[in-house]
Amino acid sequence: MRSRYSAFAAGRRQYLLDTWHPSTRPAALDLDPELQWRRLDILETAAGGPLDGRGTVRFRAHYRDGAGRGVQEETSRFVRTGGNWLYVDGE
């Protein structure tokens, strides 16, 4: 989760696509260049340990854009595939 947040903050589209599960990965990803990610707060995790194949992360990501400050809160689902964690989806 933290590496994907860092990739959003740095505008690393390819990393985001590479860490997205193929079943839900978009064909392309457009990032808003005016969006500045400021802080990530991990609120809760479930599973996702060294022996797990699935896990969830509830987080708050703080940002700033032309309209001011904002917060995105989401619960993301991940699966481990080939030893790597891949983002599936979020609510």
N, C-alpha and C. Protein backbone atom coordinates (compact mmCIF):
# COMPACT_ATOMS: atom_id res chain seq x y z
N MET A 1 0.82 -1.18 0.00
CA MET A 1 0.00 0.00 0.00
C MET A 1 0.87 1.25 0.00
N ARG A 2 1.86 1.26 0.85
CA ARG A 2 2.72 2.45 0.93
C ARG A 2 3.47 2.68 -0.38
N SER A 3 3.90 1.62 -1.02
CA SER A 3 4.63 1.81 -2.28
C SER A 3 3.71 2.35 -3.36
N ARG A 4 2.45 1.92 -3.36
CA ARG A 4 1.50 2.46 -4.36
C ARG A 4 1.19 3.92 -4.06
N TYR A 5 1.05 4.27 -2.80
CA TYR A 5 0.84 5.68 -2.45
C TYR A 5 2.03 6.52 -2.95
N SER A 6 3.24 6.04 -2.69
CA SER A 6 4.43 6.76 -3.13
C SER A 6 4.46 6.89 -4.65
N ALA A 7 4.02 5.86 -5.34
CA ALA A 7 3.97 5.91 -6.81
C ALA A 7 2.96 6.94 -7.29
N PHE A 8 1.80 7.03 -6.62
CA PHE A 8 0.84 8.08 -6.97
C PHE A 8 1.47 9.45 -6.75
N ALA A 9 2.14 9.62 -5.63
CA ALA A 9 2.75 10.92 -5.29
C ALA A 9 3.84 11.30 -6.28
N ALA A 10 4.57 10.31 -6.79
CA ALA A 10 5.67 10.57 -7.72
C ALA A 10 5.23 10.51 -9.19
N GLY A 11 3.96 10.16 -9.43
CA GLY A 11 3.47 10.08 -10.80
C GLY A 11 3.99 8.90 -11.59
N ARG A 12 4.28 7.80 -10.90
CA ARG A 12 4.84 6.61 -11.55
C ARG A 12 3.73 5.69 -12.06
N ARG A 13 3.15 6.06 -13.19
CA ARG A 13 2.04 5.31 -13.79
C ARG A 13 2.36 3.83 -14.00
N GLN A 14 3.53 3.56 -14.57
CA GLN A 14 3.86 2.18 -14.91
C GLN A 14 3.93 1.29 -13.67
N TYR A 15 4.50 1.80 -12.58
CA TYR A 15 4.55 1.03 -11.34
C TYR A 15 3.13 0.73 -10.85
N LEU A 16 2.26 1.71 -10.92
CA LEU A 16 0.88 1.50 -10.49
C LEU A 16 0.20 0.42 -11.33
N LEU A 17 0.38 0.48 -12.64
CA LEU A 17 -0.20 -0.55 -13.50
C LEU A 17 0.43 -1.92 -13.24
N ASP A 18 1.74 -1.96 -13.01
CA ASP A 18 2.43 -3.23 -12.76
C ASP A 18 2.00 -3.88 -11.45
N THR A 19 1.54 -3.09 -10.49
CA THR A 19 1.14 -3.63 -9.19
C THR A 19 -0.38 -3.74 -9.06
N TRP A 20 -1.07 -3.70 -10.19
CA TRP A 20 -2.53 -3.81 -10.25
C TRP A 20 -2.85 -5.20 -10.79
N HIS A 21 -3.76 -5.91 -10.16
CA HIS A 21 -4.11 -7.26 -10.60
C HIS A 21 -4.67 -7.21 -12.02
N PRO A 22 -4.23 -8.15 -12.89
CA PRO A 22 -4.67 -8.12 -14.29
C PRO A 22 -6.19 -8.17 -14.47
N SER A 23 -6.91 -8.78 -13.53
CA SER A 23 -8.37 -8.90 -13.68
C SER A 23 -9.10 -7.57 -13.51
N THR A 24 -8.46 -6.59 -12.90
CA THR A 24 -9.12 -5.29 -12.67
C THR A 24 -8.30 -4.11 -13.18
N ARG A 25 -7.13 -4.38 -13.72
CA ARG A 25 -6.22 -3.32 -14.19
C ARG A 25 -6.80 -2.59 -15.39
N PRO A 26 -6.80 -1.26 -15.35
CA PRO A 26 -7.24 -0.50 -16.52
C PRO A 26 -6.19 -0.58 -17.63
N ALA A 27 -6.61 -0.32 -18.86
CA ALA A 27 -5.69 -0.33 -20.00
C ALA A 27 -4.69 0.83 -19.91
N ALA A 28 -5.15 1.94 -19.35
CA ALA A 28 -4.29 3.12 -19.20
C ALA A 28 -4.66 3.81 -17.90
N LEU A 29 -3.79 4.68 -17.44
CA LEU A 29 -4.02 5.38 -16.18
C LEU A 29 -3.62 6.83 -16.35
N ASP A 30 -4.57 7.72 -16.17
CA ASP A 30 -4.29 9.15 -16.24
C ASP A 30 -4.21 9.69 -14.82
N LEU A 31 -3.12 10.36 -14.51
CA LEU A 31 -2.94 10.97 -13.19
C LEU A 31 -3.07 12.48 -13.34
N ASP A 32 -3.74 13.11 -12.40
CA ASP A 32 -3.92 14.55 -12.42
C ASP A 32 -2.62 15.22 -11.98
N PRO A 33 -1.97 15.99 -12.86
CA PRO A 33 -0.70 16.60 -12.50
C PRO A 33 -0.83 17.69 -11.43
N GLU A 34 -2.03 18.22 -11.21
CA GLU A 34 -2.24 19.25 -10.20
C GLU A 34 -2.46 18.67 -8.81
N LEU A 35 -2.69 17.37 -8.73
CA LEU A 35 -2.95 16.72 -7.45
C LEU A 35 -1.62 16.45 -6.74
N GLN A 36 -1.49 16.95 -5.52
CA GLN A 36 -0.29 16.74 -4.72
C GLN A 36 -0.66 15.90 -3.50
N TRP A 37 -0.15 14.68 -3.47
CA TRP A 37 -0.42 13.80 -2.33
C TRP A 37 0.48 14.21 -1.18
N ARG A 38 -0.11 14.40 0.00
CA ARG A 38 0.62 14.96 1.15
C ARG A 38 0.92 13.97 2.27
N ARG A 39 -0.01 13.04 2.52
CA ARG A 39 0.18 12.15 3.68
C ARG A 39 -0.70 10.91 3.53
N LEU A 40 -0.19 9.79 4.01
CA LEU A 40 -0.93 8.54 4.03
C LEU A 40 -1.07 8.08 5.47
N ASP A 41 -2.30 7.81 5.88
CA ASP A 41 -2.58 7.25 7.21
C ASP A 41 -3.17 5.86 7.02
N ILE A 42 -2.50 4.84 7.52
CA ILE A 42 -3.05 3.48 7.51
C ILE A 42 -3.95 3.37 8.73
N LEU A 43 -5.21 3.09 8.51
CA LEU A 43 -6.19 3.04 9.60
C LEU A 43 -6.41 1.63 10.14
N GLU A 44 -6.32 0.66 9.24
CA GLU A 44 -6.60 -0.72 9.65
C GLU A 44 -6.09 -1.68 8.58
N THR A 45 -5.63 -2.83 9.02
CA THR A 45 -5.24 -3.89 8.09
C THR A 45 -5.88 -5.18 8.55
N ALA A 46 -6.11 -6.07 7.59
CA ALA A 46 -6.62 -7.41 7.89
C ALA A 46 -5.87 -8.38 7.00
N ALA A 47 -5.32 -9.41 7.59
CA ALA A 47 -4.50 -10.40 6.89
C ALA A 47 -3.33 -9.66 6.23
N GLY A 48 -2.83 -10.19 5.14
CA GLY A 48 -1.72 -9.55 4.46
C GLY A 48 -0.36 -9.84 5.06
N GLY A 49 -0.28 -10.83 5.92
CA GLY A 49 0.99 -11.19 6.55
C GLY A 49 1.82 -12.09 5.65
N PRO A 50 2.98 -12.51 6.13
CA PRO A 50 3.90 -13.32 5.32
C PRO A 50 3.31 -14.63 4.81
N LEU A 51 2.35 -15.19 5.52
CA LEU A 51 1.77 -16.47 5.11
C LEU A 51 0.41 -16.33 4.44
N ASP A 52 -0.06 -15.10 4.27
CA ASP A 52 -1.39 -14.86 3.69
C ASP A 52 -1.31 -14.68 2.18
N GLY A 53 -2.42 -15.01 1.51
CA GLY A 53 -2.53 -14.79 0.08
C GLY A 53 -3.40 -13.61 -0.26
N ARG A 54 -4.08 -13.08 0.77
CA ARG A 54 -4.97 -11.94 0.58
C ARG A 54 -4.82 -10.99 1.76
N GLY A 55 -5.22 -9.76 1.54
CA GLY A 55 -5.19 -8.79 2.63
C GLY A 55 -5.98 -7.54 2.26
N THR A 56 -6.37 -6.79 3.27
CA THR A 56 -7.05 -5.52 3.05
C THR A 56 -6.35 -4.44 3.86
N VAL A 57 -6.42 -3.23 3.33
CA VAL A 57 -5.85 -2.06 3.99
C VAL A 57 -6.88 -0.93 3.92
N ARG A 58 -7.24 -0.40 5.07
CA ARG A 58 -8.09 0.80 5.09
C ARG A 58 -7.17 1.98 5.37
N PHE A 59 -7.31 3.01 4.53
CA PHE A 59 -6.39 4.14 4.63
C PHE A 59 -7.10 5.46 4.36
N ARG A 60 -6.40 6.52 4.72
CA ARG A 60 -6.78 7.89 4.36
C ARG A 60 -5.57 8.52 3.67
N ALA A 61 -5.77 9.03 2.47
CA ALA A 61 -4.71 9.71 1.74
C ALA A 61 -5.09 11.18 1.61
N HIS A 62 -4.24 12.04 2.11
CA HIS A 62 -4.48 13.48 2.11
C HIS A 62 -3.81 14.11 0.90
N TYR A 63 -4.54 15.01 0.25
CA TYR A 63 -4.00 15.65 -0.95
C TYR A 63 -4.37 17.12 -0.99
N ARG A 64 -3.74 17.81 -1.93
CA ARG A 64 -4.06 19.20 -2.20
C ARG A 64 -4.14 19.35 -3.72
N ASP A 65 -5.15 20.12 -4.17
CA ASP A 65 -5.27 20.42 -5.59
C ASP A 65 -5.70 21.88 -5.74
N GLY A 66 -6.09 22.27 -6.93
CA GLY A 66 -6.47 23.65 -7.17
C GLY A 66 -7.65 24.13 -6.35
N ALA A 67 -8.48 23.21 -5.89
CA ALA A 67 -9.66 23.56 -5.09
C ALA A 67 -9.36 23.58 -3.59
N GLY A 68 -8.16 23.16 -3.20
CA GLY A 68 -7.81 23.13 -1.77
C GLY A 68 -7.39 21.75 -1.32
N ARG A 69 -7.65 21.48 -0.06
CA ARG A 69 -7.26 20.19 0.54
C ARG A 69 -8.39 19.19 0.43
N GLY A 70 -8.01 17.90 0.42
CA GLY A 70 -9.00 16.84 0.37
C GLY A 70 -8.45 15.57 0.98
N VAL A 71 -9.34 14.61 1.15
CA VAL A 71 -8.97 13.31 1.71
C VAL A 71 -9.68 12.22 0.93
N GLN A 72 -8.94 11.19 0.59
CA GLN A 72 -9.54 10.01 -0.01
C GLN A 72 -9.43 8.90 1.02
N GLU A 73 -10.56 8.30 1.35
CA GLU A 73 -10.55 7.16 2.28
C GLU A 73 -11.04 5.95 1.52
N GLU A 74 -10.35 4.84 1.71
CA GLU A 74 -10.66 3.63 0.94
C GLU A 74 -10.26 2.40 1.73
N THR A 75 -10.95 1.31 1.46
CA THR A 75 -10.51 0.00 1.90
C THR A 75 -10.11 -0.75 0.64
N SER A 76 -8.82 -1.06 0.53
CA SER A 76 -8.27 -1.71 -0.67
C SER A 76 -8.07 -3.19 -0.42
N ARG A 77 -8.33 -3.97 -1.46
CA ARG A 77 -8.10 -5.41 -1.40
C ARG A 77 -6.87 -5.75 -2.24
N PHE A 78 -6.03 -6.63 -1.69
CA PHE A 78 -4.82 -7.07 -2.36
C PHE A 78 -4.76 -8.59 -2.37
N VAL A 79 -4.10 -9.15 -3.37
CA VAL A 79 -3.81 -10.59 -3.42
C VAL A 79 -2.32 -10.76 -3.70
N ARG A 80 -1.77 -11.84 -3.16
CA ARG A 80 -0.36 -12.13 -3.43
C ARG A 80 -0.30 -13.07 -4.63
N THR A 81 0.45 -12.67 -5.62
CA THR A 81 0.61 -13.46 -6.84
C THR A 81 2.11 -13.54 -7.15
N GLY A 82 2.62 -14.76 -7.20
CA GLY A 82 4.03 -14.93 -7.49
C GLY A 82 4.94 -14.22 -6.51
N GLY A 83 4.51 -14.12 -5.25
CA GLY A 83 5.31 -13.47 -4.22
C GLY A 83 5.13 -11.96 -4.14
N ASN A 84 4.36 -11.38 -5.05
CA ASN A 84 4.13 -9.93 -5.05
C ASN A 84 2.69 -9.60 -4.69
N TRP A 85 2.51 -8.51 -3.98
CA TRP A 85 1.17 -8.05 -3.64
C TRP A 85 0.63 -7.20 -4.79
N LEU A 86 -0.58 -7.52 -5.23
CA LEU A 86 -1.23 -6.80 -6.32
C LEU A 86 -2.54 -6.21 -5.83
N TYR A 87 -2.78 -4.96 -6.20
CA TYR A 87 -4.03 -4.27 -5.87
C TYR A 87 -5.15 -4.87 -6.71
N VAL A 88 -6.28 -5.19 -6.07
CA VAL A 88 -7.44 -5.74 -6.79
C VAL A 88 -8.48 -4.65 -7.00
N ASP A 89 -8.96 -4.11 -5.88
CA ASP A 89 -9.97 -3.05 -5.98
C ASP A 89 -10.14 -2.39 -4.62
N GLY A 90 -11.00 -1.39 -4.57
CA GLY A 90 -11.23 -0.69 -3.31
C GLY A 90 -12.62 -0.13 -3.23
N GLU A 91 -13.05 0.08 -2.00
CA GLU A 91 -14.36 0.71 -1.74
C GLU A 91 -14.14 1.97 -0.95
